[in-house]
Each structure stands twice: as structure tokens, then as C-alpha cells.
Amino acid sequence: MNNRKLDEFTVKGGGSIDPRKFKNEIFELFSIPAFDKGTPEIVDGASVGSAKKVIEPNDILLSKIVPHIRRCWVVPQAKAYRQIASGEWIQFRSAELVPEYVRHFLISDPFHSQFMKTVTGVGGSLLRARPSEVEKIKIPLPSPDDQIRIAHVLSKVEGLIAQRKHHLQQLDNLLKSVFLDMFGDPVRNEKGWNVDKFQRIILGLRNGLSPSKSGKNRSYVYTLSAITGEAFKEIYKEDTFSNVSGKYFPSKNDFLICRGNGNINLVGRAYFYPGNKGNIMFPDTIIGVTIESNAINKKFLESLWKTYFIRCQIEKEARTANGTYKINQGVINGINIILPPDELQNKFGKIVDKIESMKFHYQQSLTELENLYGALSQKAFKGELDLSRVPLLLELPKEDTESMEEMNGETHEKREMEEACVRFK
């Protein structure tokens, strides 16, 4: 396996075009926003604001902006329109390259660690990878046949990862659908549930503890990532504090709310503390809200908290200073909530438990597949992957994918999800 500098494959004089000179022509535009949406934009020349790169099918495009997000696109075969790309892509092309192999390399951990060392800028969306430095990075280049084999293996696992993520999203959508079926839209409240202030079911609120550089006490503390995702996660770090008190350690009735963040969509995100650790504090960026026992079903409150009804109230009251959006205890106390009958809340809670159990199995499978992809990727790009054992798997036709999924328990899980849809909706 040869190691070659990316400079050998970088398109440096591929030409550019100003679509505004062709106002009525339709173009296929490969932009960063289009990548995030999963498909190129179909636009007329008049609506494109600047000159663009001319690209060809099988070009490999690597995003140089916001480099911590791994964006790499293989240009597909052209359809009816000329293909163009924004200037935020580094462009690669060569008859020696199998595009999918290169894409897998450019999103791999070994490449990404080197790629991040080429970055300049003050932070956030202003960060840029320097193409001249990226071109110095070497790509391991086996024979074209082995490139195809490696790309096929990694793409198979990547496809299964995408399936697991899709199934997790389906379960999230199912839960939202069940919530609306049982409780209606809280904004319209067409079912006429009692509406009250959140403070009616609150026993107490307190902000978490701020770290101190001069502090003598070292302790574990949750990060905001613990409560700003799709579920509570045990994400914490060790830090130094001036004083440590029991009130900063959450209990099972504590609803942990994000107090401040640069992203307004994350402000107010919240989950109940699951009570798994007991020796980890929460920081000053989190408000601990102790909920009256049996006043509301925890699963119902967590789902209600994710609705537009709650988000709208939080974002309306959030205040910004130095680029950080914040809410305080007064805002939390004043939030309106709906209070359906306990029996209905508890019924919903049991449904959530079932769906979360299914999500747990899918998430486990997803984690295993992601670990497998990482391991295969590492071996492949070091030349350590034994490709002699791969051919039969590589030649597996598409129609036989179902039998492979059966071995992975996929078909059983899919049936279980379908039955849940019928039973819960």
C-alpha cells in the first residue's frame, strides 16, 4: 500500500462559472447547506449569488468550514443539469482513486485528527481548514480492486448504521404521535386539560455549583451534554470547587434544566436525574428543580417539555448577554403546563417505558456497529484488513440483505416496532 500526498489529487485549476450570466439555466448546486439536507440544490442561475466551482461526476468534495463536522460528498452522475459547487469545498479527482474509498478515508478518525491540525480561525463557523496544509496529508492507496473491496465493506456497515439511526428516529416519531393522540396539541388544548403554573408542582429550585480555580475540593460534575441530547447521558468531568454541599448532588425527583447556552435551541432542555451515580454534582449552568412526588408522571413531563408549547415559552423569556441565552428560576416557575388526569399520564408513562426499551436495544446495536466501523476503518487504512476473507460478503447481492439482517435480529426488532405502532396509536 502506497502513501500518497493529497496534493497529487487536488483539483486546482478546474475552472469556475458565474451562474448569474446564465440566468435562465438550471444548475445542480453542491453547497454545504445542501449536504446537510442530503441532496444538491436545483437552482436557476439568477438565484445564485456568486461564482462557483465547475465539478464533474466522481469528484470528491471535502468541506473546509466548521471542520469538526465531517462533511464529504462524492459527486453523482449528472442528470439534466450542469453541476457546480460552492467555494467551501476542497476538490479531489483522479483516475487512480475509487471515490467511495476516498470518502471513507476523509471521514475516518486517522484523517480527521490530522485534518483538525490544519485549522485556523477564531472559532465556530469562522474556523477553516487550510487547503495547502490539507494537501500535505497522505492517503494510503492500495490497488483499485482493493479500494473497491474496502469501500464496499465499510459502506455495508455504514448502511446498517444508517438503518439503526432511522429506526431510532421512527421510535421518536412514534412517541410524539402517541403523545398527540392521547393529549392533543398543548398549544390549542382542544381536550380542555387543566392548565397551571409549573411552580404548583415544584418543591424547590437551586442553581448548580460554579467551579473555582482556587478551590481545594475536587469533585465530578455533569456537563451540559448530559441533558441537551435526546436522553439523559452520564457525561461528566472532574473539576475544582471552593465548597461542596449536598444540595448540589441531584436526587431522583430532580428535573435538571439547562440554564444557559449559546444555542437558544438548547436552553431549557431538561431531563429527570435517573439516579444512577449519586456522587456527581450539577454545574451552575444547570438549574435543579425538585418536583413534588406523585404530582406529575415523569415520563409525561419529559415529553411535554419537548413540545412547541413549552419551547415557545422558554425561548420567548430567554435573555441574551455576550452571545449566551439564559433563563432563570422565575422563568421556570412561570411556565404554563397542562395537567391531564393521573391515570392517563401513567398509561402514557408505560408506553414510554416500552418504547425506551426498544430504543435501548437499537442504541446498543448502533454502538456496536459504530465500533465495528471504526475498527474496520482503522485496519483498512493501515493495510491490516484481511481482504481475502471478504469476497463472499462483498458479493452479497442487495436482495440478500434481509437474510443478513435476520441474523442480526433486525427483522425481529422491525416486527416488534410495527406491532408497537398498531398497539399504541
Protein backbone atom coordinates (compact mmCIF):
# COMPACT_ATOMS: atom_id res chain seq x y z
CA MET A 1 0.00 0.00 0.00
CA ASN A 2 1.46 3.36 -1.07
CA ASN A 3 1.07 6.55 0.93
CA ARG A 4 0.48 9.50 -1.36
CA LYS A 5 0.00 13.19 -0.59
CA LEU A 6 -3.49 14.51 -1.28
CA ASP A 7 -1.79 17.28 -3.23
CA GLU A 8 -1.43 14.82 -6.11
CA PHE A 9 -5.20 14.54 -6.43
CA THR A 10 -6.36 18.07 -5.62
CA VAL A 11 -8.19 19.91 -8.40
CA LYS A 12 -6.55 23.33 -8.55
CA GLY A 13 -7.47 24.59 -11.98
CA GLY A 14 -10.84 23.01 -12.50
CA GLY A 15 -12.43 26.22 -13.62
CA SER A 16 -15.27 28.35 -12.32
CA ILE A 17 -18.55 29.68 -13.62
CA ASP A 18 -20.73 32.66 -12.76
CA PRO A 19 -24.29 31.28 -12.91
CA ARG A 20 -25.68 34.84 -12.92
CA LYS A 21 -24.57 35.08 -16.54
CA PHE A 22 -26.91 32.19 -17.30
CA LYS A 23 -30.00 33.45 -15.50
CA ASN A 24 -32.46 31.02 -17.05
CA GLU A 25 -30.26 27.92 -16.89
CA ILE A 26 -30.93 25.35 -14.17
CA PHE A 27 -27.93 24.13 -12.16
CA GLU A 28 -27.29 21.33 -9.69
CA LEU A 29 -25.57 23.12 -6.80
CA PHE A 30 -23.45 21.24 -4.25
CA SER A 31 -23.33 23.57 -1.22
CA ILE A 32 -22.71 22.96 2.48
CA PRO A 33 -26.42 23.53 3.39
CA ALA A 34 -27.38 21.14 0.57
CA PHE A 35 -25.07 18.47 2.02
CA ASP A 36 -26.71 18.83 5.41
CA LYS A 37 -30.11 18.31 3.77
CA GLY A 38 -28.81 15.25 1.94
CA THR A 39 -29.34 16.39 -1.66
CA PRO A 40 -27.94 19.04 -4.02
CA GLU A 41 -29.98 22.16 -4.71
CA ILE A 42 -31.69 22.58 -8.07
CA VAL A 43 -31.48 26.33 -8.75
CA ASP A 44 -31.64 28.76 -11.64
CA GLY A 45 -28.62 30.92 -12.41
CA ALA A 46 -30.38 34.12 -11.38
CA SER A 47 -30.73 32.93 -7.77
CA VAL A 48 -27.04 32.05 -7.31
CA GLY A 49 -25.17 34.93 -5.70
CA SER A 50 -21.56 34.31 -6.73
CA ALA A 51 -19.17 32.36 -8.96
CA LYS A 52 -18.98 28.62 -8.32
CA LYS A 53 -16.59 25.75 -8.99
CA VAL A 54 -17.11 23.55 -12.01
CA ILE A 55 -17.27 19.92 -10.87
CA GLU A 56 -17.58 16.52 -12.52
CA PRO A 57 -19.18 13.18 -11.59
CA ASN A 58 -16.99 11.18 -9.17
CA ASP A 59 -15.23 14.28 -7.85
CA ILE A 60 -14.72 14.06 -4.10
CA LEU A 61 -15.64 17.20 -2.15
CA LEU A 62 -14.30 17.83 1.37
CA SER A 63 -15.70 20.70 3.43
CA LYS A 64 -13.11 23.09 4.82
CA ILE A 65 -15.53 25.08 7.04
CA VAL A 66 -16.68 24.12 10.57
CA PRO A 67 -14.16 21.27 10.24
CA HIS A 68 -15.19 19.34 13.35
CA ILE A 69 -18.31 18.31 11.36
CA ARG A 70 -17.20 15.63 8.90
CA ARG A 71 -18.65 16.53 5.51
CA CYS A 72 -17.52 14.67 2.41
CA TRP A 73 -19.50 14.25 -0.82
CA VAL A 74 -18.96 12.12 -3.89
CA VAL A 75 -20.49 13.89 -6.89
CA PRO A 76 -23.03 11.52 -8.52
CA GLN A 77 -23.66 11.15 -12.23
CA ALA A 78 -25.14 14.29 -13.74
CA LYS A 79 -28.81 14.24 -14.63
CA ALA A 80 -30.19 17.07 -16.71
CA TYR A 81 -28.18 19.99 -15.33
CA ARG A 82 -24.65 21.33 -15.13
CA GLN A 83 -23.05 20.56 -11.76
CA ILE A 84 -21.45 23.34 -9.72
CA ALA A 85 -20.12 23.63 -6.17
CA SER A 86 -19.54 26.39 -3.63
CA GLY A 87 -16.02 27.52 -2.82
CA GLU A 88 -16.12 25.94 0.64
CA TRP A 89 -15.15 22.55 -0.77
CA ILE A 90 -11.67 21.13 -1.36
CA GLN A 91 -11.96 19.16 -4.59
CA PHE A 92 -10.22 15.87 -5.46
CA ARG A 93 -10.16 13.97 -8.75
CA SER A 94 -8.07 11.17 -10.25
CA ALA A 95 -8.50 8.01 -12.31
CA GLU A 96 -6.38 6.27 -9.63
CA LEU A 97 -8.99 6.91 -6.95
CA VAL A 98 -12.13 4.94 -6.14
CA PRO A 99 -14.33 7.82 -4.91
CA GLU A 100 -16.14 5.88 -2.16
CA TYR A 101 -12.83 4.63 -0.78
CA VAL A 102 -11.54 8.20 -0.59
CA ARG A 103 -14.76 9.39 1.06
CA HIS A 104 -14.43 6.78 3.79
CA PHE A 105 -10.83 7.81 4.36
CA LEU A 106 -11.70 11.52 4.55
CA ILE A 107 -14.31 10.92 7.29
CA SER A 108 -12.12 8.46 9.21
CA ASP A 109 -10.63 9.15 12.65
CA PRO A 110 -6.99 8.88 11.44
CA PHE A 111 -7.55 11.52 8.75
CA HIS A 112 -9.74 13.76 10.93
CA SER A 113 -7.11 14.04 13.67
CA GLN A 114 -4.62 15.32 11.07
CA PHE A 115 -7.24 17.47 9.35
CA MET A 116 -8.02 19.38 12.58
CA LYS A 117 -4.36 20.37 12.86
CA THR A 118 -4.71 22.36 9.63
CA VAL A 119 -7.48 24.56 11.04
CA THR A 120 -7.23 28.32 11.51
CA GLY A 121 -9.74 30.93 12.71
CA VAL A 122 -11.26 32.27 15.91
CA GLY A 123 -13.85 29.56 16.43
CA GLY A 124 -17.30 28.27 15.50
CA SER A 125 -18.37 28.91 11.91
CA LEU A 126 -15.23 31.03 11.35
CA LEU A 127 -12.92 28.01 11.57
CA ARG A 128 -11.39 26.93 8.26
CA ALA A 129 -9.09 24.13 7.23
CA ARG A 130 -6.19 25.41 5.12
CA PRO A 131 -6.17 23.58 1.77
CA SER A 132 -2.40 24.00 1.40
CA GLU A 133 -1.90 22.11 4.68
CA VAL A 134 -4.60 19.51 3.97
CA GLU A 135 -2.81 18.68 0.72
CA LYS A 136 0.23 17.58 2.73
CA ILE A 137 -1.74 14.81 4.44
CA LYS A 138 -1.04 11.38 2.99
CA ILE A 139 -3.71 8.92 1.89
CA PRO A 140 -2.95 5.18 1.94
CA LEU A 141 -3.61 3.97 -1.59
CA PRO A 142 -3.95 0.23 -2.29
CA SER A 143 -4.75 -1.14 -5.73
CA PRO A 144 -8.05 -0.04 -7.32
CA ASP A 145 -9.52 -3.51 -6.71
CA ASP A 146 -8.67 -3.35 -3.02
CA GLN A 147 -10.02 0.19 -2.83
CA ILE A 148 -13.33 -1.18 -4.15
CA ARG A 149 -13.31 -4.05 -1.64
CA ILE A 150 -12.57 -1.76 1.30
CA ALA A 151 -15.18 0.78 0.21
CA HIS A 152 -17.76 -1.99 -0.16
CA VAL A 153 -17.10 -3.41 3.30
CA LEU A 154 -17.25 -0.01 5.01
CA SER A 155 -20.33 1.03 3.04
CA LYS A 156 -22.17 -2.14 4.12
CA VAL A 157 -21.58 -1.34 7.78
CA GLU A 158 -22.34 2.34 7.17
CA GLY A 159 -25.68 1.31 5.64
CA LEU A 160 -26.60 -0.72 8.73
CA ILE A 161 -25.66 2.24 10.93
CA ALA A 162 -27.99 4.45 8.89
CA GLN A 163 -30.78 1.89 9.32
CA ARG A 164 -30.38 1.85 13.11
CA LYS A 165 -30.46 5.65 13.23
CA HIS A 166 -33.57 5.65 11.06
CA HIS A 167 -35.30 3.16 13.35
CA LEU A 168 -34.42 5.26 16.40
CA GLN A 169 -35.92 8.29 14.66
CA GLN A 170 -39.04 6.28 13.84
CA LEU A 171 -39.47 5.42 17.52
CA ASP A 172 -39.08 9.10 18.47
CA ASN A 173 -41.73 9.99 15.88
CA LEU A 174 -43.98 7.24 17.23
CA LEU A 175 -43.71 8.66 20.75
CA LYS A 176 -44.62 12.15 19.53
CA SER A 177 -47.59 10.70 17.66
CA VAL A 178 -48.80 8.80 20.73
CA PHE A 179 -48.48 11.96 22.84
CA LEU A 180 -50.62 13.95 20.39
CA ASP A 181 -53.21 11.14 20.17
CA MET A 182 -53.57 10.96 23.95
CA PHE A 183 -53.21 14.61 24.96
CA GLY A 184 -53.75 16.65 21.80
CA ASP A 185 -51.78 19.79 20.97
CA PRO A 186 -50.97 21.57 24.27
CA VAL A 187 -50.97 24.94 22.47
CA ARG A 188 -54.61 24.60 21.38
CA ASN A 189 -55.53 22.35 24.33
CA GLU A 190 -58.52 21.05 22.41
CA LYS A 191 -59.05 18.36 25.05
CA GLY A 192 -59.57 21.02 27.73
CA TRP A 193 -56.94 19.85 30.26
CA ASN A 194 -56.29 21.88 33.39
CA VAL A 195 -53.55 24.47 32.85
CA ASP A 196 -51.40 25.62 35.76
CA LYS A 197 -48.06 27.22 36.51
CA PHE A 198 -45.11 24.87 36.77
CA GLN A 199 -44.39 26.23 40.25
CA ARG A 200 -47.51 24.47 41.58
CA ILE A 201 -45.72 21.10 41.45
CA ILE A 202 -42.26 22.41 42.42
CA LEU A 203 -40.85 21.89 45.93
CA GLY A 204 -37.68 23.89 45.33
CA LEU A 205 -35.16 25.22 42.82
CA ARG A 206 -31.42 25.79 43.07
CA ASN A 207 -28.64 26.61 40.65
CA GLY A 208 -25.69 24.27 40.45
CA LEU A 209 -22.18 24.98 41.69
CA SER A 210 -19.59 27.08 39.85
CA PRO A 211 -16.04 25.73 39.60
CA SER A 212 -13.20 27.66 41.24
CA LYS A 213 -9.57 27.74 40.13
CA SER A 214 -8.50 28.43 43.70
CA GLY A 215 -10.77 25.75 45.16
CA LYS A 216 -9.37 22.90 47.23
CA ASN A 217 -12.15 20.37 46.64
CA ARG A 218 -12.08 18.16 43.57
CA SER A 219 -15.33 16.55 42.50
CA TYR A 220 -17.11 15.14 39.49
CA VAL A 221 -19.65 17.41 37.81
CA TYR A 222 -22.08 16.84 34.94
CA THR A 223 -21.58 18.75 31.71
CA LEU A 224 -24.43 20.32 29.75
CA SER A 225 -24.16 17.48 27.26
CA ALA A 226 -25.71 15.25 29.92
CA ILE A 227 -29.09 16.96 29.44
CA THR A 228 -29.04 18.59 26.00
CA GLY A 229 -29.28 15.45 23.85
CA GLU A 230 -32.15 13.10 23.08
CA ALA A 231 -31.94 11.47 26.52
CA PHE A 232 -30.08 11.89 29.82
CA LYS A 233 -26.48 10.74 29.45
CA GLU A 234 -23.84 10.10 32.10
CA ILE A 235 -21.40 12.71 30.76
CA TYR A 236 -19.29 14.39 33.44
CA LYS A 237 -15.81 15.67 34.22
CA GLU A 238 -13.63 16.35 37.24
CA ASP A 239 -13.21 19.96 38.38
CA THR A 240 -12.16 22.08 41.38
CA PHE A 241 -14.62 23.81 43.74
CA SER A 242 -14.36 26.10 46.77
CA ASN A 243 -17.04 24.27 48.69
CA VAL A 244 -19.06 21.15 48.12
CA SER A 245 -22.53 20.77 49.59
CA GLY A 246 -25.14 18.03 49.44
CA LYS A 247 -27.63 20.31 47.68
CA TYR A 248 -25.52 20.22 44.52
CA PHE A 249 -25.92 16.45 44.17
CA PRO A 250 -29.16 15.66 42.31
CA SER A 251 -31.80 13.25 43.58
CA LYS A 252 -34.33 11.11 41.71
CA ASN A 253 -37.04 13.79 41.87
CA ASP A 254 -34.80 16.50 40.42
CA PHE A 255 -35.65 17.80 36.97
CA LEU A 256 -32.35 19.17 35.61
CA ILE A 257 -32.80 22.16 33.28
CA CYS A 258 -30.19 23.81 31.06
CA ARG A 259 -29.91 27.41 32.34
CA GLY A 260 -27.75 28.92 29.61
CA ASN A 261 -26.21 28.16 26.22
CA GLY A 262 -25.02 29.92 23.08
CA ASN A 263 -27.61 27.91 21.14
CA ILE A 264 -31.14 29.01 22.05
CA ASN A 265 -32.47 25.61 20.98
CA LEU A 266 -30.57 24.01 23.87
CA VAL A 267 -31.63 26.48 26.56
CA GLY A 268 -34.30 24.93 28.78
CA ARG A 269 -33.63 21.35 27.67
CA ALA A 270 -34.30 19.07 30.62
CA TYR A 271 -34.49 15.52 31.96
CA PHE A 272 -35.10 13.89 35.30
CA TYR A 273 -31.98 12.67 37.02
CA PRO A 274 -32.11 8.85 36.70
CA GLY A 275 -30.27 8.31 39.98
CA ASN A 276 -27.55 6.09 38.53
CA LYS A 277 -24.47 7.61 40.20
CA GLY A 278 -25.08 9.72 43.30
CA ASN A 279 -21.55 11.14 43.56
CA ILE A 280 -21.72 13.66 40.70
CA MET A 281 -22.78 17.29 41.13
CA PHE A 282 -24.55 19.51 38.62
CA PRO A 283 -22.91 22.80 37.50
CA ASP A 284 -24.05 26.41 37.64
CA THR A 285 -25.26 26.14 34.03
CA ILE A 286 -27.99 23.77 35.22
CA ILE A 287 -30.97 24.50 37.47
CA GLY A 288 -32.11 21.64 39.69
CA VAL A 289 -35.89 21.62 40.08
CA THR A 290 -37.22 19.30 42.78
CA ILE A 291 -40.67 18.08 41.72
CA GLU A 292 -43.33 17.12 44.25
CA SER A 293 -43.55 13.35 44.41
CA ASN A 294 -46.58 11.93 42.53
CA ALA A 295 -47.60 15.41 41.32
CA ILE A 296 -46.89 14.51 37.70
CA ASN A 297 -45.71 11.47 35.77
CA LYS A 298 -42.01 11.92 34.99
CA LYS A 299 -42.22 10.44 31.50
CA PHE A 300 -45.19 12.67 30.70
CA LEU A 301 -43.35 15.80 31.89
CA GLU A 302 -40.22 14.96 29.88
CA SER A 303 -42.31 14.54 26.71
CA LEU A 304 -44.39 17.65 27.41
CA TRP A 305 -41.17 19.62 27.94
CA LYS A 306 -40.04 18.83 24.37
CA THR A 307 -43.22 20.22 22.77
CA TYR A 308 -43.53 23.54 20.97
CA PHE A 309 -45.89 24.62 23.77
CA ILE A 310 -43.02 24.64 26.29
CA ARG A 311 -40.23 25.58 23.86
CA CYS A 312 -42.14 28.69 22.77
CA GLN A 313 -42.47 29.91 26.37
CA ILE A 314 -38.79 29.27 27.14
CA GLU A 315 -37.43 30.95 24.02
CA LYS A 316 -39.74 33.94 24.49
CA GLU A 317 -38.41 34.54 28.01
CA ALA A 318 -34.74 33.75 27.35
CA ARG A 319 -32.39 36.74 27.60
CA THR A 320 -29.05 37.04 25.84
CA ALA A 321 -25.77 38.51 27.05
CA ASN A 322 -22.40 38.14 25.33
CA GLY A 323 -23.84 35.58 22.94
CA THR A 324 -25.30 33.34 25.66
CA TYR A 325 -29.05 32.80 26.06
CA LYS A 326 -30.21 32.35 29.65
CA ILE A 327 -33.33 31.64 31.68
CA ASN A 328 -33.71 31.99 35.45
CA GLN A 329 -35.73 30.38 38.21
CA GLY A 330 -38.50 32.95 37.82
CA VAL A 331 -38.99 31.97 34.17
CA ILE A 332 -39.19 28.30 35.13
CA ASN A 333 -41.74 28.94 37.87
CA GLY A 334 -43.93 30.87 35.46
CA ILE A 335 -44.11 28.29 32.68
CA ASN A 336 -47.63 27.05 31.92
CA ILE A 337 -48.13 23.27 31.84
CA ILE A 338 -51.13 21.07 31.10
CA LEU A 339 -52.20 18.55 33.75
CA PRO A 340 -54.25 15.67 32.30
CA PRO A 341 -55.65 13.04 34.71
CA ASP A 342 -53.04 10.96 36.54
CA GLU A 343 -54.45 7.74 35.08
CA LEU A 344 -53.85 8.95 31.52
CA GLN A 345 -50.38 10.24 32.36
CA ASN A 346 -49.45 6.89 33.90
CA LYS A 347 -50.77 5.00 30.88
CA PHE A 348 -48.58 7.17 28.67
CA GLY A 349 -45.63 6.54 31.02
CA LYS A 350 -45.95 2.77 30.48
CA ILE A 351 -45.95 3.27 26.71
CA VAL A 352 -42.79 5.39 27.01
CA ASP A 353 -41.13 2.62 29.03
CA LYS A 354 -41.86 0.11 26.27
CA ILE A 355 -40.60 2.40 23.52
CA GLU A 356 -37.48 3.28 25.52
CA SER A 357 -36.77 -0.43 25.98
CA MET A 358 -36.89 -0.86 22.22
CA LYS A 359 -34.69 2.22 21.75
CA PHE A 360 -32.17 0.78 24.19
CA HIS A 361 -31.73 -2.34 22.03
CA TYR A 362 -31.43 -0.28 18.85
CA GLN A 363 -28.92 2.06 20.52
CA GLN A 364 -26.87 -0.92 21.70
CA SER A 365 -26.83 -2.28 18.17
CA LEU A 366 -25.92 1.15 16.80
CA THR A 367 -23.00 1.49 19.22
CA GLU A 368 -21.70 -1.97 18.28
CA LEU A 369 -21.94 -1.16 14.57
CA GLU A 370 -20.18 2.19 15.03
CA ASN A 371 -17.40 0.43 16.93
CA LEU A 372 -17.17 -2.17 14.19
CA TYR A 373 -16.98 0.54 11.52
CA GLY A 374 -14.21 2.30 13.45
CA ALA A 375 -12.20 -0.90 13.88
CA LEU A 376 -12.57 -1.90 10.23
CA SER A 377 -11.68 1.61 9.12
CA GLN A 378 -8.52 1.68 11.24
CA LYS A 379 -7.37 -1.69 9.89
CA ALA A 380 -8.28 -0.87 6.30
CA PHE A 381 -6.25 2.34 6.16
CA LYS A 382 -3.26 0.70 7.87
CA GLY A 383 -3.30 -2.09 5.31
CA GLU A 384 -4.15 -4.64 8.03
CA LEU A 385 -7.60 -5.69 6.80
CA ASP A 386 -7.55 -9.27 5.54
CA LEU A 387 -9.41 -8.80 2.26
CA SER A 388 -9.03 -12.48 1.33
CA ARG A 389 -11.82 -13.24 3.81
CA VAL A 390 -14.15 -10.58 2.44
CA PRO A 391 -15.13 -11.51 -1.16
CA LEU A 392 -18.25 -13.57 -0.36
CA LEU A 393 -19.59 -10.78 1.86
CA LEU A 394 -18.69 -8.17 -0.74
CA GLU A 395 -20.55 -10.06 -3.46
CA LEU A 396 -23.70 -10.29 -1.34
CA PRO A 397 -26.50 -9.03 -3.62
CA LYS A 398 -28.88 -6.36 -2.41
CA GLU A 399 -31.84 -8.72 -2.29
CA ASP A 400 -29.98 -10.92 0.23
CA THR A 401 -29.52 -8.06 2.71
CA GLU A 402 -32.68 -9.18 4.51
CA SER A 403 -31.18 -12.55 5.39
CA MET A 404 -28.09 -10.87 6.85
CA GLU A 405 -30.35 -8.56 8.89
CA GLU A 406 -32.25 -11.62 10.16
CA MET A 407 -29.00 -12.92 11.64
CA ASN A 408 -28.54 -9.56 13.39
CA GLY A 409 -32.03 -9.67 14.90
CA GLU A 410 -33.11 -6.85 12.60
CA THR A 411 -36.29 -8.48 11.31
CA HIS A 412 -37.48 -9.33 14.83
CA GLU A 413 -36.92 -5.76 16.00
CA LYS A 414 -38.68 -4.36 12.93
CA ARG A 415 -41.72 -6.58 13.59
CA GLU A 416 -41.73 -5.52 17.24
CA MET A 417 -41.76 -1.85 16.24
CA GLU A 418 -44.59 -2.39 13.76
CA GLU A 419 -46.65 -4.16 16.44
CA ALA A 420 -45.97 -1.30 18.83
CA CYS A 421 -47.27 1.20 16.25
CA VAL A 422 -50.53 -0.73 15.97
CA ARG A 423 -50.87 -1.20 19.72
CA PHE A 424 -50.02 2.34 20.83
CA LYS A 425 -51.56 4.55 18.13
